Protein backbone atom coordinates (compact mmCIF):
# COMPACT_ATOMS: atom_id res chain seq x y z
CA MET A 1 -32.98 84.12 20.35
CA LYS A 2 -34.71 80.92 19.21
CA LYS A 3 -32.43 77.89 19.17
CA ILE A 4 -32.07 75.16 16.57
CA LEU A 5 -30.21 72.19 18.04
CA VAL A 6 -28.22 69.72 15.96
CA ALA A 7 -27.86 66.62 18.14
CA THR A 8 -25.68 63.98 16.50
CA GLU A 9 -23.96 61.12 18.26
CA LYS A 10 -22.27 60.54 14.89
CA PRO A 11 -21.65 64.15 13.80
CA PHE A 12 -22.24 65.71 10.43
CA ALA A 13 -19.10 66.46 8.47
CA LYS A 14 -17.74 69.97 8.99
CA ALA A 15 -18.75 70.84 5.44
CA ALA A 16 -22.37 69.98 6.29
CA ILE A 17 -22.35 72.20 9.39
CA ASP A 18 -20.83 74.94 7.25
CA GLU A 19 -23.92 74.63 5.01
CA ILE A 20 -26.40 74.45 7.90
CA ARG A 21 -25.07 77.41 9.91
CA PRO A 22 -25.68 80.23 7.37
CA ILE A 23 -29.21 78.93 6.65
CA VAL A 24 -30.04 79.05 10.36
CA GLU A 25 -28.29 82.31 11.20
CA ALA A 26 -29.57 84.19 8.15
CA ALA A 27 -33.08 83.54 9.44
CA GLY A 28 -32.17 84.98 12.84
CA TYR A 29 -31.85 81.74 14.80
CA GLU A 30 -29.06 80.40 17.01
CA LEU A 31 -27.38 77.14 15.95
CA ALA A 32 -26.40 74.88 18.85
CA LEU A 33 -24.36 71.70 18.40
CA LEU A 34 -24.37 68.58 20.54
CA GLU A 35 -21.90 66.22 18.89
CA LYS A 36 -20.44 62.85 19.93
CA TYR A 37 -22.52 62.79 23.09
CA THR A 38 -22.24 59.62 25.14
CA GLU A 39 -25.13 59.88 27.60
CA LYS A 40 -28.84 60.38 27.04
CA ALA A 41 -28.76 62.94 29.86
CA GLN A 42 -26.67 65.22 27.65
CA LEU A 43 -29.36 65.17 24.96
CA LEU A 44 -32.14 65.69 27.50
CA ASP A 45 -30.36 68.75 28.87
CA ALA A 46 -29.49 70.23 25.47
CA VAL A 47 -33.02 69.93 24.07
CA LYS A 48 -34.75 71.67 27.01
CA ASP A 49 -34.79 75.15 25.44
CA ALA A 50 -34.62 74.24 21.72
CA GLN A 51 -37.42 75.23 19.37
CA ALA A 52 -36.16 72.88 16.66
CA LEU A 53 -34.08 69.70 16.56
CA ILE A 54 -32.06 68.08 13.78
CA VAL A 55 -30.89 64.48 14.26
CA ARG A 56 -29.39 61.73 12.14
CA SER A 57 -29.84 58.21 13.54
CA ASP A 58 -30.23 59.54 17.08
CA LYS A 59 -33.33 58.27 18.89
CA VAL A 60 -35.91 60.92 19.69
CA THR A 61 -37.82 58.94 22.30
CA ARG A 62 -40.81 59.92 24.39
CA GLU A 63 -38.37 60.88 27.15
CA VAL A 64 -36.59 63.29 24.82
CA VAL A 65 -39.88 64.75 23.63
CA GLU A 66 -41.07 65.27 27.20
CA ALA A 67 -37.83 67.04 28.12
CA ALA A 68 -38.13 69.44 25.16
CA SER A 69 -40.60 71.92 26.60
CA GLU A 70 -40.22 74.47 23.78
CA LEU A 71 -39.79 72.09 20.84
CA LYS A 72 -41.93 72.80 17.76
CA ILE A 73 -40.28 70.62 15.13
CA VAL A 74 -37.82 67.73 14.82
CA VAL A 75 -36.25 66.73 11.50
CA ARG A 76 -34.49 63.47 10.81
CA ALA A 77 -31.76 64.25 8.26
CA GLY A 78 -32.38 61.25 6.04
CA ALA A 79 -35.22 59.22 4.59
CA GLY A 80 -36.01 56.70 7.34
CA PHE A 81 -37.65 58.06 10.46
CA ASP A 82 -38.21 55.03 12.68
CA ASN A 83 -35.85 56.61 15.24
CA LEU A 84 -38.52 59.26 15.95
CA ASP A 85 -41.37 58.56 18.38
CA LEU A 86 -44.11 59.93 16.15
CA GLU A 87 -46.88 59.27 18.65
CA ALA A 88 -45.11 61.24 21.36
CA CYS A 89 -44.43 64.09 18.92
CA THR A 90 -48.07 64.23 17.87
CA GLU A 91 -49.29 64.24 21.46
CA LYS A 92 -47.13 67.28 22.22
CA GLY A 93 -48.00 69.08 18.98
CA ILE A 94 -44.48 68.68 17.59
CA VAL A 95 -44.10 68.37 13.82
CA ALA A 96 -41.80 65.51 12.76
CA MET A 97 -40.18 65.49 9.33
CA ASN A 98 -37.64 63.59 7.28
CA THR A 99 -35.60 64.78 4.27
CA PRO A 100 -36.62 62.41 1.46
CA GLY A 101 -34.44 62.20 -1.60
CA GLN A 102 -31.33 63.82 -0.16
CA ASN A 103 -29.49 60.52 0.35
CA SER A 104 -31.02 58.70 -2.60
CA ASN A 105 -28.13 58.78 -5.04
CA ALA A 106 -25.68 57.65 -2.35
CA VAL A 107 -27.87 54.64 -1.54
CA GLY A 108 -28.42 53.90 -5.22
CA GLU A 109 -24.69 53.82 -5.90
CA LEU A 110 -24.16 51.52 -2.91
CA VAL A 111 -26.75 49.07 -4.30
CA LEU A 112 -24.96 48.73 -7.61
CA GLY A 113 -21.56 48.67 -5.91
CA MET A 114 -22.59 45.72 -3.74
CA MET A 115 -24.10 43.96 -6.75
CA VAL A 116 -20.87 44.27 -8.73
CA PHE A 117 -18.84 43.10 -5.71
CA MET A 118 -20.95 39.96 -5.29
CA ALA A 119 -21.26 39.24 -9.02
CA ARG A 120 -17.44 39.21 -9.17
CA ASN A 121 -17.16 36.91 -6.14
CA GLY A 122 -15.74 39.60 -3.90
CA PHE A 123 -12.87 40.16 -6.36
CA ASN A 124 -11.25 36.94 -5.15
CA GLY A 125 -9.65 36.13 -8.50
CA SER A 126 -12.26 33.63 -9.70
CA ALA A 127 -14.56 34.06 -12.69
CA GLY A 128 -17.78 35.88 -11.85
CA THR A 129 -20.84 37.01 -13.78
CA GLU A 130 -21.95 40.26 -15.41
CA LEU A 131 -24.90 42.49 -14.60
CA ARG A 132 -25.68 43.30 -18.23
CA GLY A 133 -28.81 41.53 -19.37
CA LYS A 134 -29.81 40.45 -15.87
CA LYS A 135 -33.28 41.28 -14.57
CA LEU A 136 -33.36 43.72 -11.68
CA GLY A 137 -36.53 44.09 -9.64
CA ILE A 138 -37.06 47.29 -7.67
CA HIS A 139 -39.27 46.64 -4.67
CA ALA A 140 -40.69 50.13 -3.92
CA TYR A 141 -40.15 52.74 -6.63
CA GLY A 142 -39.57 55.79 -4.44
CA ASN A 143 -36.64 58.21 -4.44
CA VAL A 144 -33.97 55.57 -3.90
CA GLY A 145 -35.60 53.08 -6.25
CA GLN A 146 -35.59 55.68 -9.01
CA TYR A 147 -31.86 56.32 -8.60
CA VAL A 148 -31.15 52.58 -8.57
CA ALA A 149 -33.05 52.25 -11.84
CA GLU A 150 -31.19 55.16 -13.43
CA ILE A 151 -27.79 53.73 -12.52
CA ALA A 152 -28.73 50.15 -13.45
CA LYS A 153 -29.73 51.27 -16.94
CA GLY A 154 -26.08 52.18 -17.50
CA PHE A 155 -25.16 48.58 -16.73
CA GLY A 156 -27.60 47.33 -19.36
CA MET A 157 -29.90 45.60 -16.88
CA GLU A 158 -33.53 44.75 -17.62
CA LEU A 159 -35.68 46.65 -15.12
CA TYR A 160 -38.91 45.76 -13.34
CA ALA A 161 -40.66 47.49 -10.44
CA PHE A 162 -43.44 46.86 -7.96
CA ASP A 163 -44.99 49.70 -6.00
CA PRO A 164 -48.74 49.84 -5.33
CA PHE A 165 -48.45 53.55 -4.50
CA VAL A 166 -46.93 54.61 -7.83
CA ALA A 167 -48.97 54.79 -11.04
CA LYS A 168 -48.18 52.17 -13.67
CA GLU A 169 -47.79 54.97 -16.22
CA THR A 170 -45.10 56.67 -14.13
CA ILE A 171 -43.03 53.49 -13.99
CA GLU A 172 -43.48 52.81 -17.70
CA ALA A 173 -42.49 56.39 -18.57
CA ALA A 174 -39.11 55.71 -16.95
CA GLY A 175 -38.53 52.73 -19.25
CA ILE A 176 -39.27 50.18 -16.53
CA THR A 177 -41.71 47.28 -16.66
CA PRO A 178 -44.31 47.52 -13.86
CA VAL A 179 -45.57 44.27 -12.34
CA GLU A 180 -48.92 43.73 -10.66
CA THR A 181 -47.82 41.75 -7.60
CA VAL A 182 -44.79 41.41 -5.38
CA GLU A 183 -44.82 37.67 -6.10
CA GLU A 184 -44.42 38.35 -9.82
CA LEU A 185 -41.46 40.65 -9.15
CA TYR A 186 -39.55 38.04 -7.19
CA LYS A 187 -40.34 35.18 -9.59
CA THR A 188 -39.10 37.26 -12.52
CA CYS A 189 -35.90 38.89 -11.33
CA HIS A 190 -32.33 37.68 -10.75
CA TYR A 191 -31.68 40.65 -8.46
CA ILE A 192 -34.09 42.39 -6.10
CA SER A 193 -33.27 45.83 -4.70
CA LEU A 194 -35.34 46.33 -1.57
CA HIS A 195 -36.55 49.79 -0.49
CA ILE A 196 -39.68 49.26 1.60
CA PRO A 197 -40.05 50.95 5.01
CA ALA A 198 -40.24 48.97 8.24
CA ASN A 199 -43.79 49.11 9.56
CA ALA A 200 -46.49 46.79 10.87
CA GLN A 201 -47.34 45.63 7.34
CA THR A 202 -43.79 45.05 6.10
CA LYS A 203 -41.84 43.66 9.05
CA GLN A 204 -40.70 40.07 8.28
CA SER A 205 -42.61 40.25 4.97
CA ILE A 206 -39.58 39.21 2.89
CA ASN A 207 -39.93 35.51 3.53
CA TYR A 208 -39.19 32.03 2.23
CA ALA A 209 -42.07 32.00 -0.24
CA LEU A 210 -40.84 35.13 -2.01
CA LEU A 211 -37.13 34.44 -1.92
CA SER A 212 -37.27 30.77 -2.87
CA SER A 213 -39.26 31.67 -5.99
CA MET A 214 -36.43 33.76 -7.45
CA PRO A 215 -34.53 32.47 -10.53
CA GLN A 216 -31.28 30.51 -10.37
CA GLY A 217 -28.34 32.66 -9.28
CA ALA A 218 -30.57 35.10 -7.43
CA ALA A 219 -29.43 37.85 -5.07
CA LEU A 220 -31.35 40.05 -2.66
CA VAL A 221 -29.94 43.53 -1.96
CA ASN A 222 -31.35 45.16 1.17
CA THR A 223 -30.65 48.85 1.77
CA ALA A 224 -33.92 49.27 3.67
CA ARG A 225 -34.20 47.94 7.24
CA LYS A 226 -33.22 44.55 8.66
CA GLU A 227 -36.66 44.21 10.29
CA VAL A 228 -38.38 43.66 6.92
CA ILE A 229 -36.47 40.38 6.47
CA HIS A 230 -37.79 37.19 8.03
CA GLU A 231 -34.39 36.05 9.27
CA GLU A 232 -35.28 32.47 10.11
CA GLU A 233 -36.70 32.00 6.62
CA ILE A 234 -33.84 33.67 4.75
CA LEU A 235 -31.48 31.27 6.55
CA LYS A 236 -33.62 28.42 5.22
CA VAL A 237 -33.41 29.85 1.69
CA MET A 238 -29.63 30.12 1.98
CA ALA A 239 -29.45 26.49 3.14
CA ASP A 240 -31.82 25.17 0.48
CA ARG A 241 -30.43 27.28 -2.39
CA PRO A 242 -26.61 27.15 -2.70
CA ASP A 243 -26.95 29.64 -5.57
CA PHE A 244 -28.71 32.31 -3.47
CA LYS A 245 -26.85 35.41 -2.21
CA TYR A 246 -27.77 38.12 0.29
CA LEU A 247 -26.30 41.62 0.47
CA SER A 248 -27.37 44.07 3.13
CA ASP A 249 -26.57 47.60 4.27
CA ILE A 250 -27.02 46.44 7.85
CA ALA A 251 -26.05 43.12 9.38
CA PRO A 252 -28.94 40.87 10.40
CA ASP A 253 -29.30 39.59 13.94
CA CYS A 254 -28.39 36.15 12.58
CA LYS A 255 -25.04 37.33 11.19
CA ALA A 256 -23.17 34.58 13.05
CA GLU A 257 -25.14 31.88 11.23
CA PHE A 258 -24.25 33.45 7.86
CA GLU A 259 -20.58 33.56 8.82
CA ALA A 260 -20.61 29.96 9.98
CA ASN A 261 -22.46 28.46 7.02
CA PHE A 262 -22.53 30.65 3.91
CA GLU A 263 -19.04 31.98 3.25
CA GLY A 264 -18.74 33.88 -0.03
CA ARG A 265 -22.52 34.18 -0.50
CA PHE A 266 -23.25 37.27 1.56
CA PHE A 267 -21.96 40.76 2.27
CA PHE A 268 -22.96 43.04 5.14
CA THR A 269 -21.64 46.56 5.62
CA PRO A 270 -20.02 47.11 9.04
CA LYS A 271 -22.64 49.77 9.81
CA LYS A 272 -25.51 51.32 7.87
CA MET A 273 -23.64 53.11 5.10
CA GLY A 274 -26.20 53.98 2.43
CA ALA A 275 -26.04 57.69 3.21
CA GLN A 276 -22.35 57.75 4.14
CA THR A 277 -21.04 60.07 1.46
CA ALA A 278 -19.86 63.64 1.82
CA GLU A 279 -22.49 64.81 -0.64
CA ALA A 280 -25.41 63.08 1.07
CA ASN A 281 -24.23 64.33 4.46
CA ILE A 282 -24.27 67.93 3.25
CA ASN A 283 -27.52 67.60 1.29
CA ALA A 284 -29.52 66.07 4.14
CA GLY A 285 -28.25 68.51 6.76
CA ALA A 286 -28.93 71.57 4.64
CA ALA A 287 -32.37 70.27 3.68
CA ALA A 288 -33.24 69.74 7.36
CA ALA A 289 -32.25 73.32 8.17
CA ARG A 290 -34.27 74.75 5.27
CA GLN A 291 -37.33 72.72 6.24
CA ILE A 292 -37.13 73.95 9.82
CA ILE A 293 -36.92 77.59 8.75
CA GLY A 294 -39.76 77.05 6.28
CA PHE A 295 -41.93 75.63 9.04
CA LEU A 296 -41.07 78.13 11.78
CA GLU A 297 -41.37 81.14 9.48
CA ASN A 298 -44.13 80.10 7.07
CA GLY A 299 -45.83 77.03 8.54
CA ASP A 300 -44.60 74.82 5.67
CA GLU A 301 -45.33 71.17 6.60
CA THR A 302 -44.44 69.60 3.24
CA PHE A 303 -42.38 66.73 4.64
CA LYS A 304 -44.36 66.10 7.81
CA VAL A 305 -44.46 62.39 8.72
CA ASN A 306 -46.65 62.38 11.83
CA LYS A 307 -50.38 63.06 12.07
């Protein structure tokens, strides 16, 4: 019987596995679980005879790919896929996929939750500010950006978006003002919600020039990847602009400098938590299973991310 392996150092919730199992078994496949593993050797052994692999943040390195002699497809249950070695997958003819959109609402709610927390000074008893009427810029209007916009409308925020890959008409149809350049977005908005991927073009692209141009009382909310932030330059912005705040769904490498110098003006989650809801956990896992069956049975490559 063909085997679909779920390899998760941080396991799916039981409810997610309960959704994945019937999808896999109804199609005639065996579901194998490798949970809370502590050594790479355990993953290398488990993947040897698997035809398909589902992971979360687990790293599917070249070594893992080479050990998986029967592997046809690997799916990252989530939107980001920088934990997959796409080049190694392509070389071995393995299809790599993600599950876009399944975690989007969870991330969107986290964005607004962090914004409210910071606007109210961490609920420390002092007078804060309101989100209503403030300008929110969405940097990359993909699945998560769309949910952020939908939720922010309920707060009465004024919405702007920059995304060179989305038609101006699509953004306007959602009641959002499109802007022509990333510079215009940052100059215009009190809050920026960041959703760009980490790649050669975007790493360290969020720099002093962009951030220092933001209006008084500005805040950057990063639920993307820490690598897109130029850390040396955001520290300079924080030092030069006592009004500037930074909120991130993953702590930067320079966390110690923030803690030493900018108390009350930043918030970092203890680990990446954008997708950490029961609903997102179930949705992403079930989507990964369906995509695998669709590919193995029908050759469906809809969410393929490698060449």
